[in-house]
């Protein structure tokens, strides 16, 4: 079992380049933090909504990343949008992680 941190924020329409710049900046920082496993970025340009999912080895790793990164994100978004970003933590279940599943091939 590992953990995920979901961040959601709105920039408004026409802010794709801003979202990409933020993504690049925070992606680099995430990769240097303890327990980091990976990122997934979700862009809905039409509605100006953006999400990032970070994967972490432990809940403590996710919480440490949150306490370090979220204030920085809020600061970056200040002046760009009036909407506050939100976050949520999840446990991630990966059925393949236990090694119990047997792969079947189709004939």
PDB file of N, CA and C in Angstrom:
ATOM      1  N   UNK A   1       0.847  -1.166   0.000  1.00  0.00           N
ATOM      2  CA  UNK A   1       0.000   0.000   0.000  1.00  0.00           C
ATOM      3  C   UNK A   1       0.901   1.241   0.000  1.00  0.00           C
ATOM      4  N   UNK A   2       0.551   2.199  -0.842  1.00  0.00           N
ATOM      5  CA  UNK A   2       1.241   3.472  -0.816  1.00  0.00           C
ATOM      6  C   UNK A   2       0.196   4.573  -0.748  1.00  0.00           C
ATOM      7  N   UNK A   3       0.605   5.827  -0.839  1.00  0.00           N
ATOM      8  CA  UNK A   3      -0.311   6.947  -0.602  1.00  0.00           C
ATOM      9  C   UNK A   3      -0.262   7.959  -1.732  1.00  0.00           C
ATOM     10  N   UNK A   4      -1.368   8.672  -1.868  1.00  0.00           N
ATOM     11  CA  UNK A   4      -1.475   9.704  -2.905  1.00  0.00           C
ATOM     12  C   UNK A   4      -1.948  11.005  -2.277  1.00  0.00           C
ATOM     13  N   UNK A   5      -1.557  12.068  -2.911  1.00  0.00           N
ATOM     14  CA  UNK A   5      -1.956  13.422  -2.532  1.00  0.00           C
ATOM     15  C   UNK A   5      -2.554  14.046  -3.788  1.00  0.00           C
ATOM     16  N   UNK A   6      -3.827  14.436  -3.718  1.00  0.00           N
ATOM     17  CA  UNK A   6      -4.516  15.052  -4.846  1.00  0.00           C
ATOM     18  C   UNK A   6      -4.633  16.542  -4.599  1.00  0.00           C
ATOM     19  N   UNK A   7      -4.126  17.334  -5.530  1.00  0.00           N
ATOM     20  CA  UNK A   7      -4.222  18.798  -5.458  1.00  0.00           C
ATOM     21  C   UNK A   7      -5.092  19.250  -6.621  1.00  0.00           C
ATOM     22  N   UNK A   8      -6.035  20.149  -6.343  1.00  0.00           N
ATOM     23  CA  UNK A   8      -6.904  20.707  -7.381  1.00  0.00           C
ATOM     24  C   UNK A   8      -6.847  22.225  -7.294  1.00  0.00           C
ATOM     25  N   UNK A   9      -6.762  22.852  -8.473  1.00  0.00           N
ATOM     26  CA  UNK A   9      -6.797  24.312  -8.511  1.00  0.00           C
ATOM     27  C   UNK A   9      -7.391  24.785  -9.825  1.00  0.00           C
ATOM     28  N   UNK A  10      -7.913  26.005  -9.799  1.00  0.00           N
ATOM     29  CA  UNK A  10      -8.518  26.602 -10.985  1.00  0.00           C
ATOM     30  C   UNK A  10      -7.743  27.865 -11.342  1.00  0.00           C
ATOM     31  N   UNK A  11      -7.474  27.999 -12.624  1.00  0.00           N
ATOM     32  CA  UNK A  11      -6.785  29.194 -13.120  1.00  0.00           C
ATOM     33  C   UNK A  11      -7.680  30.033 -14.016  1.00  0.00           C
ATOM     34  N   UNK A  12      -8.728  29.441 -14.527  1.00  0.00           N
ATOM     35  CA  UNK A  12      -9.554  30.119 -15.517  1.00  0.00           C
ATOM     36  C   UNK A  12      -9.093  29.723 -16.911  1.00  0.00           C
ATOM     37  N   UNK A  13      -9.879  30.093 -17.901  1.00  0.00           N
ATOM     38  CA  UNK A  13      -9.557  29.713 -19.277  1.00  0.00           C
ATOM     39  C   UNK A  13      -8.376  30.522 -19.802  1.00  0.00           C
ATOM     40  N   UNK A  14      -7.689  29.935 -20.766  1.00  0.00           N
ATOM     41  CA  UNK A  14      -6.558  30.608 -21.397  1.00  0.00           C
ATOM     42  C   UNK A  14      -5.298  30.639 -20.556  1.00  0.00           C
ATOM     43  N   UNK A  15      -5.198  29.752 -19.568  1.00  0.00           N
ATOM     44  CA  UNK A  15      -4.039  29.762 -18.659  1.00  0.00           C
ATOM     45  C   UNK A  15      -3.194  28.492 -18.772  1.00  0.00           C
ATOM     46  N   UNK A  16      -3.255  27.857 -19.925  1.00  0.00           N
ATOM     47  CA  UNK A  16      -2.511  26.610 -20.116  1.00  0.00           C
ATOM     48  C   UNK A  16      -1.013  26.796 -19.848  1.00  0.00           C
ATOM     49  N   UNK A  17      -0.437  27.853 -20.365  1.00  0.00           N
ATOM     50  CA  UNK A  17       1.003  28.065 -20.181  1.00  0.00           C
ATOM     51  C   UNK A  17       1.352  28.266 -18.703  1.00  0.00           C
ATOM     52  N   UNK A  18       0.493  28.954 -17.984  1.00  0.00           N
ATOM     53  CA  UNK A  18       0.699  29.131 -16.539  1.00  0.00           C
ATOM     54  C   UNK A  18       0.672  27.777 -15.844  1.00  0.00           C
ATOM     55  N   UNK A  19      -0.293  26.934 -16.197  1.00  0.00           N
ATOM     56  CA  UNK A  19      -0.400  25.595 -15.610  1.00  0.00           C
ATOM     57  C   UNK A  19       0.837  24.763 -15.928  1.00  0.00           C
ATOM     58  N   UNK A  20       1.309  24.835 -17.154  1.00  0.00           N
ATOM     59  CA  UNK A  20       2.509  24.082 -17.532  1.00  0.00           C
ATOM     60  C   UNK A  20       3.727  24.569 -16.755  1.00  0.00           C
ATOM     61  N   UNK A  21       3.865  25.878 -16.594  1.00  0.00           N
ATOM     62  CA  UNK A  21       4.994  26.425 -15.836  1.00  0.00           C
ATOM     63  C   UNK A  21       4.958  25.973 -14.379  1.00  0.00           C
ATOM     64  N   UNK A  22       3.780  26.016 -13.765  1.00  0.00           N
ATOM     65  CA  UNK A  22       3.640  25.549 -12.387  1.00  0.00           C
ATOM     66  C   UNK A  22       3.969  24.065 -12.290  1.00  0.00           C
ATOM     67  N   UNK A  23       3.491  23.296 -13.243  1.00  0.00           N
ATOM     68  CA  UNK A  23       3.732  21.858 -13.258  1.00  0.00           C
ATOM     69  C   UNK A  23       5.218  21.563 -13.310  1.00  0.00           C
ATOM     70  N   UNK A  24       5.923  22.208 -14.213  1.00  0.00           N
ATOM     71  CA  UNK A  24       7.367  21.977 -14.343  1.00  0.00           C
ATOM     72  C   UNK A  24       8.103  22.340 -13.064  1.00  0.00           C
ATOM     73  N   UNK A  25       7.735  23.460 -12.479  1.00  0.00           N
ATOM     74  CA  UNK A  25       8.402  23.932 -11.264  1.00  0.00           C
ATOM     75  C   UNK A  25       8.201  22.948 -10.107  1.00  0.00           C
ATOM     76  N   UNK A  26       6.953  22.553  -9.860  1.00  0.00           N
ATOM     77  CA  UNK A  26       6.677  21.682  -8.728  1.00  0.00           C
ATOM     78  C   UNK A  26       7.073  20.233  -8.989  1.00  0.00           C
ATOM     79  N   UNK A  27       7.056  19.807 -10.225  1.00  0.00           N
ATOM     80  CA  UNK A  27       7.493  18.451 -10.550  1.00  0.00           C
ATOM     81  C   UNK A  27       8.944  18.251 -10.142  1.00  0.00           C
ATOM     82  N   UNK A  28       9.761  19.204 -10.439  1.00  0.00           N
ATOM     83  CA  UNK A  28      11.181  19.111 -10.095  1.00  0.00           C
ATOM     84  C   UNK A  28      11.377  19.031  -8.585  1.00  0.00           C
ATOM     85  N   UNK A  29      10.631  19.822  -7.842  1.00  0.00           N
ATOM     86  CA  UNK A  29      10.740  19.807  -6.383  1.00  0.00           C
ATOM     87  C   UNK A  29      10.248  18.477  -5.824  1.00  0.00           C
ATOM     88  N   UNK A  30       9.093  17.994  -6.311  1.00  0.00           N
ATOM     89  CA  UNK A  30       8.546  16.713  -5.844  1.00  0.00           C
ATOM     90  C   UNK A  30       9.562  15.596  -5.957  1.00  0.00           C
ATOM     91  N   UNK A  31      10.236  15.538  -7.075  1.00  0.00           N
ATOM     92  CA  UNK A  31      11.161  14.439  -7.350  1.00  0.00           C
ATOM     93  C   UNK A  31      12.333  14.388  -6.376  1.00  0.00           C
ATOM     94  N   UNK A  32      12.597  15.490  -5.701  1.00  0.00           N
ATOM     95  CA  UNK A  32      13.688  15.519  -4.732  1.00  0.00           C
ATOM     96  C   UNK A  32      13.263  15.214  -3.309  1.00  0.00           C
ATOM     97  N   UNK A  33      11.978  14.996  -3.071  1.00  0.00           N
ATOM     98  CA  UNK A  33      11.493  14.772  -1.710  1.00  0.00           C
ATOM     99  C   UNK A  33      11.489  13.293  -1.347  1.00  0.00           C
ATOM    100  N   UNK A  34      11.666  13.037  -0.062  1.00  0.00           N
ATOM    101  CA  UNK A  34      11.717  11.677   0.455  1.00  0.00           C
ATOM    102  C   UNK A  34      10.401  10.944   0.228  1.00  0.00           C
ATOM    103  N   UNK A  35      10.493   9.714  -0.270  1.00  0.00           N
ATOM    104  CA  UNK A  35       9.332   8.863  -0.456  1.00  0.00           C
ATOM    105  C   UNK A  35       8.574   9.089  -1.749  1.00  0.00           C
ATOM    106  N   UNK A  36       9.064   9.955  -2.605  1.00  0.00           N
ATOM    107  CA  UNK A  36       8.368  10.261  -3.858  1.00  0.00           C
ATOM    108  C   UNK A  36       8.352   9.042  -4.768  1.00  0.00           C
ATOM    109  N   UNK A  37       7.173   8.788  -5.397  1.00  0.00           N
ATOM    110  CA  UNK A  37       7.010   7.668  -6.331  1.00  0.00           C
ATOM    111  C   UNK A  37       6.658   8.109  -7.744  1.00  0.00           C
ATOM    112  N   UNK A  38       5.954   9.215  -7.884  1.00  0.00           N
ATOM    113  CA  UNK A  38       5.561   9.652  -9.219  1.00  0.00           C
ATOM    114  C   UNK A  38       4.449  10.680  -9.181  1.00  0.00           C
ATOM    115  N   UNK A  39       4.168  11.246 -10.346  1.00  0.00           N
ATOM    116  CA  UNK A  39       3.129  12.261 -10.515  1.00  0.00           C
ATOM    117  C   UNK A  39       2.254  11.927 -11.709  1.00  0.00           C
ATOM    118  N   UNK A  40       1.022  12.374 -11.647  1.00  0.00           N
ATOM    119  CA  UNK A  40       0.120  12.375 -12.797  1.00  0.00           C
ATOM    120  C   UNK A  40      -0.512  13.761 -12.824  1.00  0.00           C
ATOM    121  N   UNK A  41      -0.526  14.381 -13.996  1.00  0.00           N
ATOM    122  CA  UNK A  41      -1.085  15.728 -14.143  1.00  0.00           C
ATOM    123  C   UNK A  41      -2.311  15.661 -15.034  1.00  0.00           C
ATOM    124  N   UNK A  42      -3.394  16.282 -14.574  1.00  0.00           N
ATOM    125  CA  UNK A  42      -4.660  16.284 -15.294  1.00  0.00           C
ATOM    126  C   UNK A  42      -5.036  17.719 -15.613  1.00  0.00           C
ATOM    127  N   UNK A  43      -5.145  18.034 -16.901  1.00  0.00           N
ATOM    128  CA  UNK A  43      -5.463  19.389 -17.347  1.00  0.00           C
ATOM    129  C   UNK A  43      -6.826  19.401 -18.026  1.00  0.00           C
ATOM    130  N   UNK A  44      -7.693  20.291 -17.593  1.00  0.00           N
ATOM    131  CA  UNK A  44      -8.970  20.545 -18.250  1.00  0.00           C
ATOM    132  C   UNK A  44      -8.945  22.011 -18.680  1.00  0.00           C
ATOM    133  N   UNK A  45      -8.282  22.272 -19.790  1.00  0.00           N
ATOM    134  CA  UNK A  45      -8.088  23.646 -20.266  1.00  0.00           C
ATOM    135  C   UNK A  45      -9.403  24.360 -20.555  1.00  0.00           C
ATOM    136  N   UNK A  46     -10.371  23.638 -21.071  1.00  0.00           N
ATOM    137  CA  UNK A  46     -11.645  24.247 -21.429  1.00  0.00           C
ATOM    138  C   UNK A  46     -12.314  24.899 -20.217  1.00  0.00           C
ATOM    139  N   UNK A  47     -12.169  24.270 -19.050  1.00  0.00           N
ATOM    140  CA  UNK A  47     -12.755  24.805 -17.826  1.00  0.00           C
ATOM    141  C   UNK A  47     -11.735  25.491 -16.920  1.00  0.00           C
ATOM    142  N   UNK A  48     -10.475  25.472 -17.319  1.00  0.00           N
ATOM    143  CA  UNK A  48      -9.430  26.109 -16.528  1.00  0.00           C
ATOM    144  C   UNK A  48      -9.166  25.422 -15.199  1.00  0.00           C
ATOM    145  N   UNK A  49      -9.387  24.102 -15.170  1.00  0.00           N
ATOM    146  CA  UNK A  49      -9.203  23.331 -13.950  1.00  0.00           C
ATOM    147  C   UNK A  49      -8.014  22.379 -14.108  1.00  0.00           C
ATOM    148  N   UNK A  50      -7.241  22.274 -13.025  1.00  0.00           N
ATOM    149  CA  UNK A  50      -6.019  21.478 -13.079  1.00  0.00           C
ATOM    150  C   UNK A  50      -5.900  20.642 -11.814  1.00  0.00           C
ATOM    151  N   UNK A  51      -5.362  19.436 -11.987  1.00  0.00           N
ATOM    152  CA  UNK A  51      -5.173  18.531 -10.866  1.00  0.00           C
ATOM    153  C   UNK A  51      -3.821  17.861 -10.985  1.00  0.00           C
ATOM    154  N   UNK A  52      -3.280  17.529  -9.841  1.00  0.00           N
ATOM    155  CA  UNK A  52      -2.054  16.738  -9.802  1.00  0.00           C
ATOM    156  C   UNK A  52      -2.234  15.665  -8.748  1.00  0.00           C
ATOM    157  N   UNK A  53      -1.776  14.474  -9.073  1.00  0.00           N
ATOM    158  CA  UNK A  53      -1.758  13.376  -8.122  1.00  0.00           C
ATOM    159  C   UNK A  53      -0.288  13.016  -7.918  1.00  0.00           C
ATOM    160  N   UNK A  54       0.158  13.093  -6.675  1.00  0.00           N
ATOM    161  CA  UNK A  54       1.509  12.659  -6.309  1.00  0.00           C
ATOM    162  C   UNK A  54       1.399  11.338  -5.580  1.00  0.00           C
ATOM    163  N   UNK A  55       2.309  10.430  -5.851  1.00  0.00           N
ATOM    164  CA  UNK A  55       2.353   9.139  -5.158  1.00  0.00           C
ATOM    165  C   UNK A  55       3.552   9.121  -4.215  1.00  0.00           C
ATOM    166  N   UNK A  56       3.310   8.601  -2.991  1.00  0.00           N
ATOM    167  CA  UNK A  56       4.328   8.607  -1.937  1.00  0.00           C
ATOM    168  C   UNK A  56       4.392   7.233  -1.276  1.00  0.00           C
ATOM    169  N   UNK A  57       5.568   6.872  -0.788  1.00  0.00           N
ATOM    170  CA  UNK A  57       5.756   5.584  -0.119  1.00  0.00           C
ATOM    171  C   UNK A  57       4.867   5.453   1.118  1.00  0.00           C
ATOM    172  N   UNK A  58       4.793   6.524   1.936  1.00  0.00           N
ATOM    173  CA  UNK A  58       4.050   6.462   3.198  1.00  0.00           C
ATOM    174  C   UNK A  58       3.144   7.684   3.341  1.00  0.00           C
ATOM    175  N   UNK A  59       2.197   7.572   4.259  1.00  0.00           N
ATOM    176  CA  UNK A  59       1.333   8.708   4.560  1.00  0.00           C
ATOM    177  C   UNK A  59       2.165   9.865   5.104  1.00  0.00           C
ATOM    178  N   UNK A  60       3.150   9.561   5.929  1.00  0.00           N
ATOM    179  CA  UNK A  60       4.027  10.604   6.480  1.00  0.00           C
ATOM    180  C   UNK A  60       4.764  11.338   5.360  1.00  0.00           C
ATOM    181  N   UNK A  61       5.223  10.618   4.336  1.00  0.00           N
ATOM    182  CA  UNK A  61       5.886  11.260   3.193  1.00  0.00           C
ATOM    183  C   UNK A  61       4.930  12.222   2.492  1.00  0.00           C
ATOM    184  N   UNK A  62       3.684  11.779   2.285  1.00  0.00           N
ATOM    185  CA  UNK A  62       2.669  12.625   1.630  1.00  0.00           C
ATOM    186  C   UNK A  62       2.377  13.864   2.473  1.00  0.00           C
ATOM    187  N   UNK A  63       2.245  13.671   3.775  1.00  0.00           N
ATOM    188  CA  UNK A  63       1.962  14.802   4.667  1.00  0.00           C
ATOM    189  C   UNK A  63       3.136  15.776   4.733  1.00  0.00           C
ATOM    190  N   UNK A  64       4.355  15.260   4.743  1.00  0.00           N
ATOM    191  CA  UNK A  64       5.535  16.132   4.741  1.00  0.00           C
ATOM    192  C   UNK A  64       5.612  16.943   3.454  1.00  0.00           C
ATOM    193  N   UNK A  65       5.323  16.289   2.327  1.00  0.00           N
ATOM    194  CA  UNK A  65       5.302  16.999   1.045  1.00  0.00           C
ATOM    195  C   UNK A  65       4.243  18.093   1.076  1.00  0.00           C
ATOM    196  N   UNK A  66       3.083  17.767   1.615  1.00  0.00           N
ATOM    197  CA  UNK A  66       1.987  18.729   1.706  1.00  0.00           C
ATOM    198  C   UNK A  66       2.402  19.959   2.515  1.00  0.00           C
ATOM    199  N   UNK A  67       2.983  19.743   3.666  1.00  0.00           N
ATOM    200  CA  UNK A  67       3.342  20.866   4.532  1.00  0.00           C
ATOM    201  C   UNK A  67       4.436  21.735   3.905  1.00  0.00           C
ATOM    202  N   UNK A  68       5.265  21.137   3.079  1.00  0.00           N
ATOM    203  CA  UNK A  68       6.333  21.878   2.411  1.00  0.00           C
ATOM    204  C   UNK A  68       5.849  22.562   1.129  1.00  0.00           C
ATOM    205  N   UNK A  69       5.063  21.830   0.313  1.00  0.00           N
ATOM    206  CA  UNK A  69       4.713  22.310  -1.025  1.00  0.00           C
ATOM    207  C   UNK A  69       3.452  23.173  -1.094  1.00  0.00           C
ATOM    208  N   UNK A  70       2.441  22.846  -0.294  1.00  0.00           N
ATOM    209  CA  UNK A  70       1.156  23.530  -0.445  1.00  0.00           C
ATOM    210  C   UNK A  70       1.256  25.041  -0.202  1.00  0.00           C
ATOM    211  N   UNK A  71       1.970  25.490   0.827  1.00  0.00           N
ATOM    212  CA  UNK A  71       2.117  26.942   0.993  1.00  0.00           C
ATOM    213  C   UNK A  71       2.800  27.609  -0.208  1.00  0.00           C
ATOM    214  N   UNK A  72       3.734  26.891  -0.828  1.00  0.00           N
ATOM    215  CA  UNK A  72       4.397  27.425  -2.017  1.00  0.00           C
ATOM    216  C   UNK A  72       3.409  27.547  -3.181  1.00  0.00           C
ATOM    217  N   UNK A  73       2.553  26.543  -3.348  1.00  0.00           N
ATOM    218  CA  UNK A  73       1.550  26.597  -4.406  1.00  0.00           C
ATOM    219  C   UNK A  73       0.575  27.752  -4.158  1.00  0.00           C
ATOM    220  N   UNK A  74       0.117  27.883  -2.911  1.00  0.00           N
ATOM    221  CA  UNK A  74      -0.786  28.987  -2.589  1.00  0.00           C
ATOM    222  C   UNK A  74      -0.143  30.332  -2.920  1.00  0.00           C
ATOM    223  N   UNK A  75       1.124  30.460  -2.621  1.00  0.00           N
ATOM    224  CA  UNK A  75       1.853  31.690  -2.918  1.00  0.00           C
ATOM    225  C   UNK A  75       1.936  31.931  -4.426  1.00  0.00           C
ATOM    226  N   UNK A  76       2.217  30.891  -5.185  1.00  0.00           N
ATOM    227  CA  UNK A  76       2.302  31.005  -6.647  1.00  0.00           C
ATOM    228  C   UNK A  76       0.953  31.408  -7.257  1.00  0.00           C
ATOM    229  N   UNK A  77      -0.124  30.879  -6.683  1.00  0.00           N
ATOM    230  CA  UNK A  77      -1.461  31.146  -7.222  1.00  0.00           C
ATOM    231  C   UNK A  77      -1.997  32.518  -6.806  1.00  0.00           C
ATOM    232  N   UNK A  78      -1.429  33.088  -5.759  1.00  0.00           N
ATOM    233  CA  UNK A  78      -1.846  34.405  -5.301  1.00  0.00           C
ATOM    234  C   UNK A  78      -1.620  35.425  -6.427  1.00  0.00           C
ATOM    235  N   UNK A  79      -2.648  36.113  -6.808  1.00  0.00           N
ATOM    236  CA  UNK A  79      -2.543  37.078  -7.900  1.00  0.00           C
ATOM    237  C   UNK A  79      -2.904  36.507  -9.259  1.00  0.00           C
ATOM    238  N   UNK A  80      -2.952  35.175  -9.372  1.00  0.00           N
ATOM    239  CA  UNK A  80      -3.341  34.529 -10.630  1.00  0.00           C
ATOM    240  C   UNK A  80      -4.814  34.163 -10.595  1.00  0.00           C
ATOM    241  N   UNK A  81      -5.265  33.700  -9.418  1.00  0.00           N
ATOM    242  CA  UNK A  81      -6.649  33.257  -9.263  1.00  0.00           C
ATOM    243  C   UNK A  81      -7.148  33.616  -7.873  1.00  0.00           C
ATOM    244  N   UNK A  82      -8.438  33.818  -7.760  1.00  0.00           N
ATOM    245  CA  UNK A  82      -9.061  34.089  -6.465  1.00  0.00           C
ATOM    246  C   UNK A  82      -9.450  32.796  -5.754  1.00  0.00           C
ATOM    247  N   UNK A  83      -9.482  31.694  -6.504  1.00  0.00           N
ATOM    248  CA  UNK A  83      -9.900  30.415  -5.937  1.00  0.00           C
ATOM    249  C   UNK A  83      -8.726  29.750  -5.215  1.00  0.00           C
ATOM    250  N   UNK A  84      -8.999  29.276  -4.034  1.00  0.00           N
ATOM    251  CA  UNK A  84      -7.980  28.584  -3.244  1.00  0.00           C
ATOM    252  C   UNK A  84      -7.835  27.147  -3.739  1.00  0.00           C
ATOM    253  N   UNK A  85      -6.610  26.640  -3.796  1.00  0.00           N
ATOM    254  CA  UNK A  85      -6.425  25.235  -4.161  1.00  0.00           C
ATOM    255  C   UNK A  85      -6.930  24.336  -3.033  1.00  0.00           C
ATOM    256  N   UNK A  86      -7.262  23.115  -3.382  1.00  0.00           N
ATOM    257  CA  UNK A  86      -7.698  22.140  -2.388  1.00  0.00           C
ATOM    258  C   UNK A  86      -6.803  20.910  -2.469  1.00  0.00           C
ATOM    259  N   UNK A  87      -6.853  20.097  -1.419  1.00  0.00           N
ATOM    260  CA  UNK A  87      -6.058  18.873  -1.408  1.00  0.00           C
ATOM    261  C   UNK A  87      -6.791  17.791  -0.639  1.00  0.00           C
ATOM    262  N   UNK A  88      -6.373  16.565  -0.894  1.00  0.00           N
ATOM    263  CA  UNK A  88      -6.925  15.408  -0.196  1.00  0.00           C
ATOM    264  C   UNK A  88      -5.899  14.284  -0.279  1.00  0.00           C
ATOM    265  N   UNK A  89      -5.860  13.461   0.767  1.00  0.00           N
ATOM    266  CA  UNK A  89      -4.971  12.306   0.801  1.00  0.00           C
ATOM    267  C   UNK A  89      -5.761  11.017   0.575  1.00  0.00           C
ATOM    268  N   UNK A  90      -5.110  10.031  -0.031  1.00  0.00           N
ATOM    269  CA  UNK A  90      -5.716   8.733  -0.293  1.00  0.00           C
ATOM    270  C   UNK A  90      -4.713   7.621  -0.031  1.00  0.00           C
ATOM    271  N   UNK A  91      -5.225   6.459   0.366  1.00  0.00           N
ATOM    272  CA  UNK A  91      -4.429   5.240   0.299  1.00  0.00           C
ATOM    273  C   UNK A  91      -4.594   4.708  -1.115  1.00  0.00           C
ATOM    274  N   UNK A  92      -3.534   4.169  -1.672  1.00  0.00           N
ATOM    275  CA  UNK A  92      -3.584   3.621  -3.026  1.00  0.00           C
ATOM    276  C   UNK A  92      -3.458   2.110  -2.936  1.00  0.00           C
ATOM    277  N   UNK A  93      -4.448   1.454  -3.473  1.00  0.00           N
ATOM    278  CA  UNK A  93      -4.423  -0.007  -3.533  1.00  0.00           C
ATOM    279  C   UNK A  93      -3.995  -0.418  -4.932  1.00  0.00           C
ATOM    280  N   UNK A  94      -2.973  -1.204  -5.005  1.00  0.00           N
ATOM    281  CA  UNK A  94      -2.489  -1.739  -6.273  1.00  0.00           C
ATOM    282  C   UNK A  94      -2.570  -3.255  -6.194  1.00  0.00           C
ATOM    283  N   UNK A  95      -3.500  -3.875  -6.909  1.00  0.00           N
ATOM    284  CA  UNK A  95      -3.660  -5.327  -6.811  1.00  0.00           C
ATOM    285  C   UNK A  95      -2.426  -6.109  -7.257  1.00  0.00           C
ATOM    286  N   UNK A  96      -1.561  -5.500  -8.022  1.00  0.00           N
ATOM    287  CA  UNK A  96      -0.350  -6.185  -8.488  1.00  0.00           C
ATOM    288  C   UNK A  96       0.782  -6.097  -7.474  1.00  0.00           C
ATOM    289  N   UNK A  97       0.675  -5.176  -6.533  1.00  0.00           N
ATOM    290  CA  UNK A  97       1.753  -4.969  -5.571  1.00  0.00           C
ATOM    291  C   UNK A  97       1.984  -6.197  -4.684  1.00  0.00           C
ATOM    292  N   UNK A  98       0.928  -6.934  -4.358  1.00  0.00           N
ATOM    293  CA  UNK A  98       1.063  -8.100  -3.488  1.00  0.00           C
ATOM    294  C   UNK A  98       1.609  -9.320  -4.226  1.00  0.00           C
ATOM    295  N   UNK A  99       1.516  -9.291  -5.551  1.00  0.00           N
ATOM    296  CA  UNK A  99       1.995 -10.414  -6.336  1.00  0.00           C
ATOM    297  C   UNK A  99       1.024 -11.584  -6.355  1.00  0.00           C
ATOM    298  N   UNK A 100      -0.193 -11.387  -5.819  1.00  0.00           N
ATOM    299  CA  UNK A 100      -1.164 -12.472  -5.735  1.00  0.00           C
ATOM    300  C   UNK A 100      -1.921 -12.715  -7.029  1.00  0.00           C
ATOM    301  N   UNK A 101      -1.946 -11.758  -7.909  1.00  0.00           N
ATOM    302  CA  UNK A 101      -2.720 -11.920  -9.141  1.00  0.00           C
ATOM    303  C   UNK A 101      -1.946 -12.734 -10.161  1.00  0.00           C
ATOM    304  N   UNK A 102      -2.663 -13.592 -10.843  1.00  0.00           N
ATOM    305  CA  UNK A 102      -2.075 -14.401 -11.900  1.00  0.00           C
ATOM    306  C   UNK A 102      -2.540 -13.818 -13.224  1.00  0.00           C
ATOM    307  N   UNK A 103      -1.606 -13.544 -14.087  1.00  0.00           N
ATOM    308  CA  UNK A 103      -1.955 -12.997 -15.393  1.00  0.00           C
ATOM    309  C   UNK A 103      -2.438 -14.109 -16.307  1.00  0.00           C
ATOM    310  N   UNK A 104      -3.562 -13.872 -16.959  1.00  0.00           N
ATOM    311  CA  UNK A 104      -4.079 -14.845 -17.912  1.00  0.00           C
ATOM    312  C   UNK A 104      -3.995 -14.243 -19.302  1.00  0.00           C
ATOM    313  N   UNK A 105      -3.554 -15.047 -20.237  1.00  0.00           N
ATOM    314  CA  UNK A 105      -3.504 -14.599 -21.631  1.00  0.00           C
ATOM    315  C   UNK A 105      -4.687 -15.186 -22.381  1.00  0.00           C
ATOM    316  N   UNK A 106      -5.179 -14.421 -23.335  1.00  0.00           N
ATOM    317  CA  UNK A 106      -6.289 -14.911 -24.151  1.00  0.00           C
ATOM    318  C   UNK A 106      -5.759 -15.657 -25.363  1.00  0.00           C
ATOM    319  N   UNK A 107      -6.481 -16.685 -25.734  1.00  0.00           N
ATOM    320  CA  UNK A 107      -6.074 -17.459 -26.903  1.00  0.00           C
ATOM    321  C   UNK A 107      -6.717 -16.914 -28.142  1.00  0.00           C
TER     322      UNK A 107
END
